[in-house]
Amino acid sequence: MNEQFPLRGVVQCVKCRKPLTAGFVKGRNEHYPRYWCWTRGCREVGVSRTDLEGQFVSLLSRMEPTSELLAQLPDRIADQWRDRKERTAKDARRLADRLAEKRTLNQGAIELRLRGEISAEELDKFKRATSEEIGRIEVEIRALDSEQNTMEEMLRQAEIEAVDLVGAWEEGNVNQRQELAKAFFPEGLVFSHEKGFFEPANAVITEMVIRFIDDISSIGVPDGI
């Protein structure tokens, strides 16, 4: 499922600049998670989830929050807050509909049993299956409820994440990881097999490299070298 790919829609193809899609690609014996460019006539990028997300985490480990970034956080978090509210409302409706459907089916099966149209064994099998599905739905609902914090809490969380981006990524769920990526890279990130995320089109990365070079230059070269 695409919900398992937090960089979907964030990372862009270096050639066509369209966001990568993601999913599971069938191999010889199993399905493999991948990101790839879906633009017809392009298909420049195709990379495993492990590789792309690993490179992204490596990028986060090199980043340091700037005063400019911290100043922009309130506006970026406001955008993320709006997106989160829309998503959680949509997901809540979807889960409520699924839960009601499963409970209706369960009740219908009981009525069929009472009329003698199905056996006790068939009813028991059906109830076990629907009970497991209801349990999964309720877990999703609880996870959704845990995201119902305030915008102020999101901002405080983002300020903490700016100091420890890798920790925030590793501890976050899929939705939180995507929010982090979009908050810190609202324009998206271009990716190529040759340069990874260190493409000139990624201005934020270029600035990071320039700051690093300036820091090294300011240290100077020791005498005798």
N, C-alpha and C. Protein backbone atom coordinates (compact mmCIF):
# COMPACT_ATOMS: atom_id res chain seq x y z
N MET A 1 0.83 -1.19 0.00
CA MET A 1 0.00 0.00 0.00
C MET A 1 0.87 1.24 0.00
N ASN A 2 0.45 2.29 -0.68
CA ASN A 2 1.22 3.51 -0.77
C ASN A 2 1.37 4.22 0.56
N GLU A 3 0.49 3.90 1.55
CA GLU A 3 0.60 4.49 2.87
C GLU A 3 1.91 4.10 3.55
N GLN A 4 2.61 3.11 3.01
CA GLN A 4 3.86 2.65 3.60
C GLN A 4 5.07 3.38 3.02
N PHE A 5 4.84 4.42 2.23
CA PHE A 5 5.93 5.10 1.55
C PHE A 5 5.89 6.60 1.85
N PRO A 6 6.53 7.04 2.93
CA PRO A 6 6.43 8.45 3.35
C PRO A 6 7.04 9.45 2.39
N LEU A 7 7.94 9.03 1.50
CA LEU A 7 8.55 9.98 0.56
C LEU A 7 7.81 10.05 -0.77
N ARG A 8 6.71 9.32 -0.86
CA ARG A 8 5.90 9.39 -2.08
C ARG A 8 5.30 10.78 -2.21
N GLY A 9 5.49 11.40 -3.36
CA GLY A 9 4.98 12.75 -3.56
C GLY A 9 5.94 13.83 -3.09
N VAL A 10 7.00 13.46 -2.39
CA VAL A 10 8.00 14.42 -1.90
C VAL A 10 9.22 14.43 -2.81
N VAL A 11 9.71 13.24 -3.15
CA VAL A 11 10.90 13.12 -3.99
C VAL A 11 10.50 13.16 -5.46
N GLN A 12 11.29 13.90 -6.25
CA GLN A 12 10.99 14.09 -7.66
C GLN A 12 12.06 13.48 -8.55
N CYS A 13 11.65 13.10 -9.74
CA CYS A 13 12.57 12.55 -10.74
C CYS A 13 13.48 13.67 -11.25
N VAL A 14 14.76 13.39 -11.40
CA VAL A 14 15.72 14.39 -11.83
C VAL A 14 15.48 14.83 -13.27
N LYS A 15 14.90 13.98 -14.07
CA LYS A 15 14.74 14.30 -15.50
C LYS A 15 13.44 15.05 -15.78
N CYS A 16 12.30 14.51 -15.35
CA CYS A 16 11.01 15.12 -15.68
C CYS A 16 10.46 16.00 -14.55
N ARG A 17 11.08 15.92 -13.38
CA ARG A 17 10.70 16.71 -12.21
C ARG A 17 9.28 16.39 -11.71
N LYS A 18 8.78 15.22 -12.04
CA LYS A 18 7.50 14.78 -11.51
C LYS A 18 7.74 13.98 -10.22
N PRO A 19 6.82 14.07 -9.24
CA PRO A 19 6.99 13.29 -8.00
C PRO A 19 7.02 11.80 -8.29
N LEU A 20 7.89 11.09 -7.58
CA LEU A 20 7.94 9.64 -7.72
C LEU A 20 6.69 9.02 -7.12
N THR A 21 6.25 7.93 -7.73
CA THR A 21 5.20 7.13 -7.13
C THR A 21 5.87 5.99 -6.37
N ALA A 22 5.08 5.12 -5.77
CA ALA A 22 5.67 4.05 -4.98
C ALA A 22 4.69 2.88 -4.87
N GLY A 23 5.23 1.72 -4.57
CA GLY A 23 4.40 0.54 -4.42
C GLY A 23 5.27 -0.69 -4.31
N PHE A 24 4.64 -1.85 -4.40
CA PHE A 24 5.35 -3.11 -4.33
C PHE A 24 5.45 -3.72 -5.72
N VAL A 25 6.67 -4.02 -6.14
CA VAL A 25 6.93 -4.58 -7.45
C VAL A 25 7.16 -6.08 -7.30
N LYS A 26 6.49 -6.86 -8.15
CA LYS A 26 6.58 -8.32 -8.05
C LYS A 26 7.92 -8.82 -8.58
N GLY A 27 8.61 -9.55 -7.72
CA GLY A 27 9.85 -10.19 -8.14
C GLY A 27 9.60 -11.66 -8.46
N ARG A 28 10.62 -12.44 -8.46
CA ARG A 28 10.46 -13.87 -8.79
C ARG A 28 9.68 -14.60 -7.71
N ASN A 29 9.98 -14.28 -6.44
CA ASN A 29 9.33 -15.02 -5.36
C ASN A 29 8.52 -14.15 -4.40
N GLU A 30 8.72 -12.85 -4.43
CA GLU A 30 7.99 -11.97 -3.52
C GLU A 30 7.88 -10.58 -4.11
N HIS A 31 7.19 -9.68 -3.37
CA HIS A 31 7.02 -8.31 -3.80
C HIS A 31 8.02 -7.42 -3.07
N TYR A 32 8.60 -6.46 -3.82
CA TYR A 32 9.63 -5.60 -3.26
C TYR A 32 9.16 -4.15 -3.26
N PRO A 33 9.35 -3.43 -2.14
CA PRO A 33 8.93 -2.02 -2.07
C PRO A 33 9.89 -1.12 -2.84
N ARG A 34 9.33 -0.28 -3.71
CA ARG A 34 10.17 0.59 -4.54
C ARG A 34 9.50 1.95 -4.76
N TYR A 35 10.34 2.93 -5.07
CA TYR A 35 9.90 4.22 -5.59
C TYR A 35 10.35 4.29 -7.04
N TRP A 36 9.53 4.91 -7.90
CA TRP A 36 9.95 5.04 -9.28
C TRP A 36 9.21 6.18 -9.99
N CYS A 37 9.83 6.64 -11.08
CA CYS A 37 9.21 7.65 -11.93
C CYS A 37 8.18 6.95 -12.81
N TRP A 38 6.95 7.45 -12.81
CA TRP A 38 5.87 6.82 -13.57
C TRP A 38 5.56 7.58 -14.85
N THR A 39 6.30 8.67 -15.14
CA THR A 39 6.02 9.48 -16.33
C THR A 39 6.34 8.71 -17.59
N ARG A 40 5.37 8.60 -18.49
CA ARG A 40 5.59 7.89 -19.75
C ARG A 40 6.69 8.58 -20.55
N GLY A 41 7.62 7.78 -21.06
CA GLY A 41 8.72 8.32 -21.85
C GLY A 41 9.90 8.76 -21.01
N CYS A 42 9.78 8.71 -19.67
CA CYS A 42 10.88 9.10 -18.81
C CYS A 42 11.43 7.88 -18.07
N ARG A 43 10.80 7.52 -16.97
CA ARG A 43 11.21 6.35 -16.18
C ARG A 43 12.68 6.42 -15.78
N GLU A 44 13.16 7.64 -15.55
CA GLU A 44 14.58 7.82 -15.25
C GLU A 44 14.99 7.23 -13.91
N VAL A 45 14.09 7.28 -12.95
CA VAL A 45 14.44 6.86 -11.59
C VAL A 45 13.63 5.64 -11.17
N GLY A 46 14.33 4.69 -10.61
CA GLY A 46 13.70 3.51 -10.01
C GLY A 46 14.62 3.03 -8.90
N VAL A 47 14.15 3.08 -7.65
CA VAL A 47 15.04 2.81 -6.53
C VAL A 47 14.27 2.09 -5.43
N SER A 48 14.95 1.22 -4.71
CA SER A 48 14.29 0.49 -3.63
C SER A 48 13.94 1.44 -2.49
N ARG A 49 12.91 1.08 -1.74
CA ARG A 49 12.52 1.90 -0.59
C ARG A 49 13.66 2.00 0.41
N THR A 50 14.35 0.89 0.65
CA THR A 50 15.45 0.89 1.61
C THR A 50 16.54 1.87 1.21
N ASP A 51 16.89 1.87 -0.08
CA ASP A 51 17.96 2.73 -0.57
C ASP A 51 17.55 4.20 -0.50
N LEU A 52 16.38 4.54 -1.04
CA LEU A 52 15.96 5.94 -1.07
C LEU A 52 15.78 6.51 0.33
N GLU A 53 15.07 5.79 1.19
CA GLU A 53 14.84 6.29 2.53
C GLU A 53 16.13 6.30 3.35
N GLY A 54 17.02 5.37 3.06
CA GLY A 54 18.32 5.36 3.73
C GLY A 54 19.12 6.60 3.37
N GLN A 55 19.11 6.98 2.08
CA GLN A 55 19.81 8.19 1.66
C GLN A 55 19.16 9.44 2.24
N PHE A 56 17.84 9.39 2.39
CA PHE A 56 17.14 10.54 2.96
C PHE A 56 17.53 10.72 4.44
N VAL A 57 17.58 9.63 5.19
CA VAL A 57 17.97 9.70 6.59
C VAL A 57 19.42 10.18 6.72
N SER A 58 20.28 9.73 5.80
CA SER A 58 21.67 10.19 5.80
C SER A 58 21.73 11.70 5.57
N LEU A 59 20.86 12.19 4.69
CA LEU A 59 20.78 13.63 4.44
C LEU A 59 20.34 14.37 5.71
N LEU A 60 19.32 13.84 6.38
CA LEU A 60 18.84 14.48 7.61
C LEU A 60 19.95 14.57 8.66
N SER A 61 20.80 13.54 8.71
CA SER A 61 21.85 13.51 9.73
C SER A 61 22.90 14.61 9.50
N ARG A 62 22.96 15.13 8.27
CA ARG A 62 23.95 16.17 7.97
C ARG A 62 23.39 17.58 8.10
N MET A 63 22.08 17.68 8.26
CA MET A 63 21.45 18.99 8.28
C MET A 63 21.46 19.62 9.67
N GLU A 64 21.65 20.90 9.70
CA GLU A 64 21.55 21.67 10.94
C GLU A 64 20.52 22.77 10.72
N PRO A 65 19.66 22.99 11.71
CA PRO A 65 18.65 24.03 11.53
C PRO A 65 19.28 25.42 11.46
N THR A 66 18.85 26.22 10.48
CA THR A 66 19.32 27.60 10.37
C THR A 66 18.29 28.53 10.99
N SER A 67 18.70 29.74 11.26
CA SER A 67 17.77 30.72 11.81
C SER A 67 16.64 31.00 10.82
N GLU A 68 16.97 30.96 9.52
CA GLU A 68 15.95 31.17 8.49
C GLU A 68 14.91 30.06 8.53
N LEU A 69 15.38 28.82 8.67
CA LEU A 69 14.46 27.69 8.71
C LEU A 69 13.56 27.77 9.93
N LEU A 70 14.13 28.07 11.08
CA LEU A 70 13.33 28.15 12.30
C LEU A 70 12.30 29.27 12.21
N ALA A 71 12.67 30.36 11.54
CA ALA A 71 11.72 31.47 11.37
C ALA A 71 10.56 31.09 10.47
N GLN A 72 10.81 30.18 9.53
CA GLN A 72 9.78 29.76 8.59
C GLN A 72 8.87 28.67 9.15
N LEU A 73 9.28 28.04 10.24
CA LEU A 73 8.53 26.89 10.78
C LEU A 73 7.05 27.17 11.04
N PRO A 74 6.68 28.32 11.66
CA PRO A 74 5.25 28.54 11.91
C PRO A 74 4.39 28.47 10.65
N ASP A 75 4.85 29.09 9.56
CA ASP A 75 4.08 29.06 8.31
C ASP A 75 4.03 27.65 7.74
N ARG A 76 5.15 26.96 7.80
CA ARG A 76 5.17 25.59 7.26
C ARG A 76 4.29 24.67 8.08
N ILE A 77 4.31 24.82 9.40
CA ILE A 77 3.49 23.97 10.25
C ILE A 77 2.01 24.29 10.07
N ALA A 78 1.69 25.55 9.79
CA ALA A 78 0.30 25.90 9.53
C ALA A 78 -0.22 25.15 8.30
N ASP A 79 0.63 25.04 7.28
CA ASP A 79 0.25 24.28 6.09
C ASP A 79 0.07 22.80 6.43
N GLN A 80 1.01 22.27 7.22
CA GLN A 80 0.92 20.87 7.61
C GLN A 80 -0.32 20.62 8.47
N TRP A 81 -0.66 21.57 9.33
CA TRP A 81 -1.84 21.44 10.19
C TRP A 81 -3.10 21.35 9.34
N ARG A 82 -3.21 22.21 8.34
CA ARG A 82 -4.38 22.17 7.46
C ARG A 82 -4.47 20.83 6.74
N ASP A 83 -3.34 20.37 6.22
CA ASP A 83 -3.32 19.09 5.50
C ASP A 83 -3.68 17.94 6.44
N ARG A 84 -3.15 17.99 7.68
CA ARG A 84 -3.42 16.92 8.64
C ARG A 84 -4.91 16.87 9.00
N LYS A 85 -5.50 18.04 9.24
CA LYS A 85 -6.92 18.07 9.60
C LYS A 85 -7.78 17.49 8.48
N GLU A 86 -7.45 17.84 7.24
CA GLU A 86 -8.21 17.31 6.11
C GLU A 86 -8.03 15.80 6.00
N ARG A 87 -6.79 15.34 6.18
CA ARG A 87 -6.52 13.91 6.05
C ARG A 87 -7.18 13.12 7.17
N THR A 88 -7.04 13.60 8.41
CA THR A 88 -7.61 12.83 9.52
C THR A 88 -9.13 12.80 9.46
N ALA A 89 -9.75 13.89 9.00
CA ALA A 89 -11.21 13.89 8.86
C ALA A 89 -11.64 12.87 7.82
N LYS A 90 -10.92 12.82 6.72
CA LYS A 90 -11.22 11.86 5.65
C LYS A 90 -11.01 10.43 6.13
N ASP A 91 -9.88 10.21 6.82
CA ASP A 91 -9.58 8.86 7.32
C ASP A 91 -10.59 8.43 8.38
N ALA A 92 -11.02 9.38 9.22
CA ALA A 92 -11.99 9.05 10.27
C ALA A 92 -13.31 8.60 9.65
N ARG A 93 -13.75 9.29 8.61
CA ARG A 93 -14.99 8.89 7.93
C ARG A 93 -14.84 7.51 7.29
N ARG A 94 -13.70 7.28 6.66
CA ARG A 94 -13.46 5.99 6.00
C ARG A 94 -13.46 4.86 7.02
N LEU A 95 -12.79 5.04 8.14
CA LEU A 95 -12.71 3.99 9.16
C LEU A 95 -14.06 3.76 9.82
N ALA A 96 -14.81 4.83 10.06
CA ALA A 96 -16.14 4.68 10.67
C ALA A 96 -17.06 3.89 9.74
N ASP A 97 -16.98 4.15 8.45
CA ASP A 97 -17.80 3.42 7.47
C ASP A 97 -17.41 1.95 7.44
N ARG A 98 -16.08 1.68 7.47
CA ARG A 98 -15.62 0.28 7.45
C ARG A 98 -16.07 -0.45 8.70
N LEU A 99 -15.98 0.22 9.85
CA LEU A 99 -16.37 -0.41 11.12
C LEU A 99 -17.86 -0.72 11.12
N ALA A 100 -18.67 0.23 10.66
CA ALA A 100 -20.12 0.01 10.61
C ALA A 100 -20.46 -1.12 9.65
N GLU A 101 -19.76 -1.19 8.53
CA GLU A 101 -20.00 -2.26 7.55
C GLU A 101 -19.72 -3.63 8.14
N LYS A 102 -18.57 -3.76 8.83
CA LYS A 102 -18.20 -5.05 9.42
C LYS A 102 -19.19 -5.48 10.49
N ARG A 103 -19.65 -4.54 11.30
CA ARG A 103 -20.61 -4.88 12.35
C ARG A 103 -21.96 -5.25 11.76
N THR A 104 -22.33 -4.60 10.67
CA THR A 104 -23.58 -4.96 9.98
C THR A 104 -23.49 -6.36 9.41
N LEU A 105 -22.34 -6.68 8.82
CA LEU A 105 -22.15 -8.02 8.26
C LEU A 105 -22.20 -9.07 9.36
N ASN A 106 -21.61 -8.74 10.50
CA ASN A 106 -21.63 -9.66 11.64
C ASN A 106 -23.07 -9.93 12.09
N GLN A 107 -23.86 -8.87 12.20
CA GLN A 107 -25.25 -9.02 12.60
C GLN A 107 -26.04 -9.80 11.57
N GLY A 108 -25.73 -9.56 10.30
CA GLY A 108 -26.41 -10.30 9.23
C GLY A 108 -26.12 -11.79 9.29
N ALA A 109 -24.88 -12.14 9.61
CA ALA A 109 -24.51 -13.55 9.72
C ALA A 109 -25.25 -14.22 10.87
N ILE A 110 -25.39 -13.51 11.98
CA ILE A 110 -26.12 -14.05 13.14
C ILE A 110 -27.58 -14.31 12.76
N GLU A 111 -28.17 -13.39 12.01
CA GLU A 111 -29.57 -13.57 11.59
C GLU A 111 -29.71 -14.76 10.65
N LEU A 112 -28.71 -14.96 9.77
CA LEU A 112 -28.75 -16.12 8.88
C LEU A 112 -28.68 -17.43 9.68
N ARG A 113 -27.87 -17.42 10.74
CA ARG A 113 -27.76 -18.61 11.59
C ARG A 113 -29.08 -18.88 12.30
N LEU A 114 -29.72 -17.83 12.80
CA LEU A 114 -30.98 -18.00 13.50
C LEU A 114 -32.06 -18.57 12.58
N ARG A 115 -31.96 -18.25 11.30
CA ARG A 115 -32.93 -18.79 10.34
C ARG A 115 -32.51 -20.15 9.80
N GLY A 116 -31.36 -20.64 10.27
CA GLY A 116 -30.89 -21.95 9.84
C GLY A 116 -30.30 -21.97 8.46
N GLU A 117 -29.92 -20.81 7.92
CA GLU A 117 -29.41 -20.75 6.55
C GLU A 117 -27.91 -20.99 6.48
N ILE A 118 -27.23 -20.91 7.61
CA ILE A 118 -25.81 -21.27 7.66
C ILE A 118 -25.58 -22.10 8.92
N SER A 119 -24.49 -22.88 8.91
CA SER A 119 -24.20 -23.74 10.06
C SER A 119 -23.50 -22.95 11.16
N ALA A 120 -23.44 -23.59 12.34
CA ALA A 120 -22.75 -22.96 13.47
C ALA A 120 -21.27 -22.78 13.15
N GLU A 121 -20.70 -23.77 12.42
CA GLU A 121 -19.29 -23.68 12.06
C GLU A 121 -19.05 -22.51 11.11
N GLU A 122 -19.95 -22.33 10.15
CA GLU A 122 -19.80 -21.23 9.20
C GLU A 122 -19.94 -19.88 9.90
N LEU A 123 -20.86 -19.81 10.86
CA LEU A 123 -21.03 -18.57 11.61
C LEU A 123 -19.78 -18.27 12.42
N ASP A 124 -19.23 -19.29 13.07
CA ASP A 124 -18.05 -19.10 13.90
C ASP A 124 -16.86 -18.63 13.06
N LYS A 125 -16.69 -19.23 11.89
CA LYS A 125 -15.59 -18.85 10.99
C LYS A 125 -15.76 -17.41 10.53
N PHE A 126 -16.99 -17.04 10.18
CA PHE A 126 -17.26 -15.69 9.71
C PHE A 126 -17.01 -14.67 10.82
N LYS A 127 -17.47 -14.99 12.04
CA LYS A 127 -17.31 -14.07 13.16
C LYS A 127 -15.84 -13.87 13.51
N ARG A 128 -15.03 -14.94 13.41
CA ARG A 128 -13.61 -14.80 13.68
C ARG A 128 -12.95 -13.86 12.68
N ALA A 129 -13.31 -14.03 11.41
CA ALA A 129 -12.73 -13.20 10.37
C ALA A 129 -13.11 -11.73 10.54
N THR A 130 -14.39 -11.49 10.79
CA THR A 130 -14.84 -10.11 10.94
C THR A 130 -14.31 -9.50 12.24
N SER A 131 -14.17 -10.31 13.27
CA SER A 131 -13.63 -9.82 14.54
C SER A 131 -12.20 -9.36 14.37
N GLU A 132 -11.42 -10.13 13.61
CA GLU A 132 -10.02 -9.75 13.35
C GLU A 132 -9.97 -8.44 12.57
N GLU A 133 -10.85 -8.31 11.58
CA GLU A 133 -10.87 -7.09 10.77
C GLU A 133 -11.31 -5.89 11.62
N ILE A 134 -12.31 -6.09 12.47
CA ILE A 134 -12.76 -5.02 13.36
C ILE A 134 -11.62 -4.59 14.29
N GLY A 135 -10.86 -5.57 14.78
CA GLY A 135 -9.72 -5.26 15.64
C GLY A 135 -8.69 -4.40 14.92
N ARG A 136 -8.42 -4.72 13.65
CA ARG A 136 -7.46 -3.93 12.87
C ARG A 136 -7.97 -2.50 12.66
N ILE A 137 -9.26 -2.38 12.37
CA ILE A 137 -9.85 -1.06 12.16
C ILE A 137 -9.76 -0.23 13.44
N GLU A 138 -10.05 -0.85 14.57
CA GLU A 138 -10.00 -0.12 15.85
C GLU A 138 -8.58 0.33 16.18
N VAL A 139 -7.59 -0.48 15.80
CA VAL A 139 -6.19 -0.07 15.99
C VAL A 139 -5.90 1.17 15.15
N GLU A 140 -6.38 1.20 13.90
CA GLU A 140 -6.19 2.36 13.04
C GLU A 140 -6.88 3.59 13.62
N ILE A 141 -8.06 3.39 14.18
CA ILE A 141 -8.79 4.52 14.78
C ILE A 141 -8.02 5.08 15.97
N ARG A 142 -7.46 4.21 16.80
CA ARG A 142 -6.69 4.68 17.96
C ARG A 142 -5.44 5.43 17.50
N ALA A 143 -4.80 4.93 16.43
CA ALA A 143 -3.62 5.62 15.90
C ALA A 143 -4.00 6.99 15.36
N LEU A 144 -5.17 7.07 14.74
CA LEU A 144 -5.65 8.35 14.22
C LEU A 144 -5.95 9.31 15.36
N ASP A 145 -6.54 8.80 16.42
CA ASP A 145 -6.85 9.64 17.58
C ASP A 145 -5.58 10.23 18.20
N SER A 146 -4.49 9.46 18.13
CA SER A 146 -3.24 9.94 18.73
C SER A 146 -2.66 11.13 17.98
N GLU A 147 -3.14 11.36 16.73
CA GLU A 147 -2.65 12.49 15.95
C GLU A 147 -3.46 13.76 16.19
N GLN A 148 -4.48 13.68 17.02
CA GLN A 148 -5.36 14.83 17.24
C GLN A 148 -4.77 15.79 18.26
N ASN A 149 -3.57 16.28 17.98
CA ASN A 149 -3.00 17.29 18.86
C ASN A 149 -3.30 18.68 18.32
N THR A 150 -2.75 19.69 18.93
CA THR A 150 -3.03 21.06 18.51
C THR A 150 -1.92 21.56 17.61
N MET A 151 -2.19 22.67 16.93
CA MET A 151 -1.18 23.28 16.07
C MET A 151 0.01 23.73 16.90
N GLU A 152 -0.25 24.23 18.13
CA GLU A 152 0.84 24.67 19.00
C GLU A 152 1.74 23.50 19.37
N GLU A 153 1.13 22.33 19.60
CA GLU A 153 1.92 21.14 19.91
C GLU A 153 2.74 20.71 18.71
N MET A 154 2.14 20.82 17.52
CA MET A 154 2.87 20.47 16.30
C MET A 154 4.08 21.38 16.13
N LEU A 155 3.92 22.67 16.42
CA LEU A 155 5.02 23.60 16.28
C LEU A 155 6.13 23.29 17.27
N ARG A 156 5.75 23.02 18.53
CA ARG A 156 6.76 22.65 19.53
C ARG A 156 7.49 21.39 19.11
N GLN A 157 6.72 20.42 18.57
CA GLN A 157 7.33 19.18 18.11
C GLN A 157 8.29 19.45 16.96
N ALA A 158 7.90 20.31 16.04
CA ALA A 158 8.75 20.62 14.89
C ALA A 158 10.04 21.30 15.32
N GLU A 159 9.96 22.17 16.33
CA GLU A 159 11.16 22.84 16.82
C GLU A 159 12.13 21.83 17.44
N ILE A 160 11.58 20.82 18.11
CA ILE A 160 12.42 19.76 18.67
C ILE A 160 13.01 18.92 17.55
N GLU A 161 12.17 18.59 16.55
CA GLU A 161 12.62 17.78 15.43
C GLU A 161 13.74 18.47 14.65
N ALA A 162 13.70 19.80 14.60
CA ALA A 162 14.72 20.53 13.87
C ALA A 162 16.11 20.29 14.44
N VAL A 163 16.16 19.95 15.72
CA VAL A 163 17.43 19.65 16.38
C VAL A 163 17.82 18.20 16.15
N ASP A 164 16.85 17.31 16.12
CA ASP A 164 17.11 15.88 15.95
C ASP A 164 16.20 15.32 14.86
N LEU A 165 16.53 15.63 13.61
CA LEU A 165 15.70 15.20 12.49
C LEU A 165 15.69 13.68 12.35
N VAL A 166 16.84 13.06 12.53
CA VAL A 166 16.92 11.60 12.38
C VAL A 166 16.08 10.91 13.44
N GLY A 167 16.17 11.38 14.68
CA GLY A 167 15.37 10.79 15.75
C GLY A 167 13.89 10.94 15.49
N ALA A 168 13.49 12.12 15.00
CA ALA A 168 12.08 12.35 14.70
C ALA A 168 11.61 11.41 13.60
N TRP A 169 12.44 11.18 12.59
CA TRP A 169 12.08 10.28 11.50
C TRP A 169 11.95 8.84 12.01
N GLU A 170 12.92 8.40 12.77
CA GLU A 170 12.92 7.02 13.23
C GLU A 170 11.77 6.72 14.19
N GLU A 171 11.36 7.71 14.96
CA GLU A 171 10.29 7.48 15.94
C GLU A 171 8.91 7.74 15.38
N GLY A 172 8.82 8.41 14.23
CA GLY A 172 7.52 8.77 13.68
C GLY A 172 6.86 7.64 12.91
N ASN A 173 5.52 7.71 12.82
CA ASN A 173 4.81 6.78 11.95
C ASN A 173 4.88 7.30 10.52
N VAL A 174 4.24 6.61 9.59
CA VAL A 174 4.35 6.98 8.18
C VAL A 174 3.84 8.40 7.94
N ASN A 175 2.69 8.74 8.53
CA ASN A 175 2.13 10.08 8.34
C ASN A 175 3.04 11.15 8.91
N GLN A 176 3.59 10.89 10.09
CA GLN A 176 4.48 11.87 10.72
C GLN A 176 5.77 12.04 9.94
N ARG A 177 6.26 10.94 9.36
CA ARG A 177 7.47 11.04 8.54
C ARG A 177 7.21 11.89 7.29
N GLN A 178 6.04 11.70 6.69
CA GLN A 178 5.72 12.49 5.50
C GLN A 178 5.54 13.97 5.87
N GLU A 179 4.93 14.23 7.01
CA GLU A 179 4.78 15.62 7.46
C GLU A 179 6.14 16.26 7.69
N LEU A 180 7.06 15.51 8.29
CA LEU A 180 8.40 16.04 8.52
C LEU A 180 9.08 16.38 7.20
N ALA A 181 9.01 15.45 6.24
CA ALA A 181 9.65 15.67 4.94
C ALA A 181 9.06 16.90 4.24
N LYS A 182 7.74 17.03 4.28
CA LYS A 182 7.09 18.15 3.60
C LYS A 182 7.33 19.47 4.32
N ALA A 183 7.45 19.43 5.65
CA ALA A 183 7.68 20.65 6.41
C ALA A 183 9.07 21.22 6.15
N PHE A 184 10.07 20.35 6.06
CA PHE A 184 11.44 20.82 5.87
C PHE A 184 11.84 20.92 4.41
N PHE A 185 11.08 20.25 3.53
CA PHE A 185 11.36 20.34 2.10
C PHE A 185 10.04 20.58 1.36
N PRO A 186 9.43 21.73 1.59
CA PRO A 186 8.10 21.99 1.01
C PRO A 186 8.09 22.00 -0.52
N GLU A 187 9.23 22.30 -1.14
CA GLU A 187 9.31 22.30 -2.60
C GLU A 187 9.64 20.92 -3.15
N GLY A 188 9.84 19.97 -2.27
CA GLY A 188 10.22 18.62 -2.69
C GLY A 188 11.72 18.51 -2.87
N LEU A 189 12.19 17.31 -3.18
CA LEU A 189 13.60 17.06 -3.39
C LEU A 189 13.81 16.27 -4.67
N VAL A 190 14.71 16.75 -5.51
CA VAL A 190 15.05 16.05 -6.74
C VAL A 190 16.04 14.93 -6.41
N PHE A 191 15.87 13.78 -7.07
CA PHE A 191 16.76 12.64 -6.82
C PHE A 191 17.26 12.07 -8.13
N SER A 192 18.55 11.71 -8.15
CA SER A 192 19.12 11.01 -9.31
C SER A 192 19.98 9.86 -8.82
N HIS A 193 20.18 8.87 -9.68
CA HIS A 193 21.02 7.74 -9.30
C HIS A 193 22.48 8.16 -9.20
N GLU A 194 22.86 9.17 -9.96
CA GLU A 194 24.25 9.61 -9.99
C GLU A 194 24.63 10.40 -8.74
N LYS A 195 23.78 11.36 -8.35
CA LYS A 195 24.13 12.27 -7.26
C LYS A 195 23.26 12.12 -6.03
N GLY A 196 22.26 11.24 -6.08
CA GLY A 196 21.36 11.11 -4.96
C GLY A 196 20.57 12.40 -4.76
N PHE A 197 20.55 12.90 -3.52
CA PHE A 197 19.84 14.15 -3.24
C PHE A 197 20.73 15.38 -3.45
N PHE A 198 22.01 15.18 -3.75
CA PHE A 198 22.92 16.31 -3.91
C PHE A 198 22.90 16.82 -5.34
N GLU A 199 21.70 17.06 -5.83
CA GLU A 199 21.49 17.65 -7.14
C GLU A 199 21.46 19.17 -7.01
N PRO A 200 22.03 19.90 -7.99
CA PRO A 200 22.01 21.37 -7.94
C PRO A 200 20.61 21.94 -7.79
N ALA A 201 19.59 21.21 -8.29
CA ALA A 201 18.21 21.71 -8.21
C ALA A 201 17.71 21.80 -6.78
N ASN A 202 18.33 21.06 -5.87
CA ASN A 202 17.92 21.10 -4.46
C ASN A 202 18.64 22.25 -3.77
N ALA A 203 18.03 23.43 -3.83
CA ALA A 203 18.69 24.63 -3.30
C ALA A 203 19.08 24.47 -1.83
N VAL A 204 18.20 23.86 -1.05
CA VAL A 204 18.48 23.73 0.38
C VAL A 204 19.71 22.87 0.62
N ILE A 205 19.94 21.87 -0.23
CA ILE A 205 21.11 21.02 -0.09
C ILE A 205 22.36 21.78 -0.54
N THR A 206 22.23 22.53 -1.64
CA THR A 206 23.36 23.33 -2.13
C THR A 206 23.82 24.32 -1.08
N GLU A 207 22.85 24.98 -0.41
CA GLU A 207 23.19 25.94 0.63
C GLU A 207 23.90 25.25 1.79
N MET A 208 23.46 24.03 2.11
CA MET A 208 24.08 23.29 3.20
C MET A 208 25.54 22.99 2.87
N VAL A 209 25.81 22.58 1.63
CA VAL A 209 27.18 22.27 1.21
C VAL A 209 28.04 23.53 1.24
N ILE A 210 27.46 24.66 0.77
CA ILE A 210 28.21 25.92 0.77
C ILE A 210 28.58 26.33 2.19
N ARG A 211 27.62 26.19 3.13
CA ARG A 211 27.91 26.53 4.52
C ARG A 211 29.02 25.65 5.08
N PHE A 212 28.98 24.36 4.69
CA PHE A 212 30.01 23.42 5.16
C PHE A 212 31.38 23.83 4.64
N ILE A 213 31.45 24.20 3.34
CA ILE A 213 32.72 24.61 2.75
C ILE A 213 33.22 25.90 3.40
N ASP A 214 32.30 26.84 3.65
CA ASP A 214 32.67 28.10 4.32
C ASP A 214 33.23 27.84 5.71
N ASP A 215 32.58 26.88 6.43
CA ASP A 215 33.05 26.55 7.78
C ASP A 215 34.47 25.99 7.73
N ILE A 216 34.71 25.12 6.74
CA ILE A 216 36.05 24.53 6.60
C ILE A 216 37.06 25.61 6.26
N SER A 217 36.68 26.53 5.35
CA SER A 217 37.59 27.59 4.92
C SER A 217 37.93 28.53 6.07
N SER A 218 36.93 28.77 6.94
CA SER A 218 37.16 29.71 8.04
C SER A 218 38.14 29.15 9.07
N ILE A 219 38.28 27.83 9.09
CA ILE A 219 39.21 27.21 10.03
C ILE A 219 40.65 27.47 9.60
N GLY A 220 40.85 27.50 8.26
CA GLY A 220 42.19 27.77 7.73
C GLY A 220 43.01 26.49 7.62
N VAL A 221 44.15 26.60 6.99
CA VAL A 221 45.05 25.47 6.80
C VAL A 221 46.21 25.59 7.75
N PRO A 222 46.52 24.56 8.52
CA PRO A 222 47.63 24.61 9.48
C PRO A 222 48.96 24.89 8.79
N ASP A 223 49.88 25.55 9.48
CA ASP A 223 51.20 25.82 8.94
C ASP A 223 51.91 24.52 8.60
N GLY A 224 52.64 24.57 7.50
CA GLY A 224 53.42 23.41 7.11
C GLY A 224 52.68 22.46 6.22
N ILE A 225 51.42 22.77 5.87
CA ILE A 225 50.68 21.87 5.00
C ILE A 225 50.48 22.56 3.65
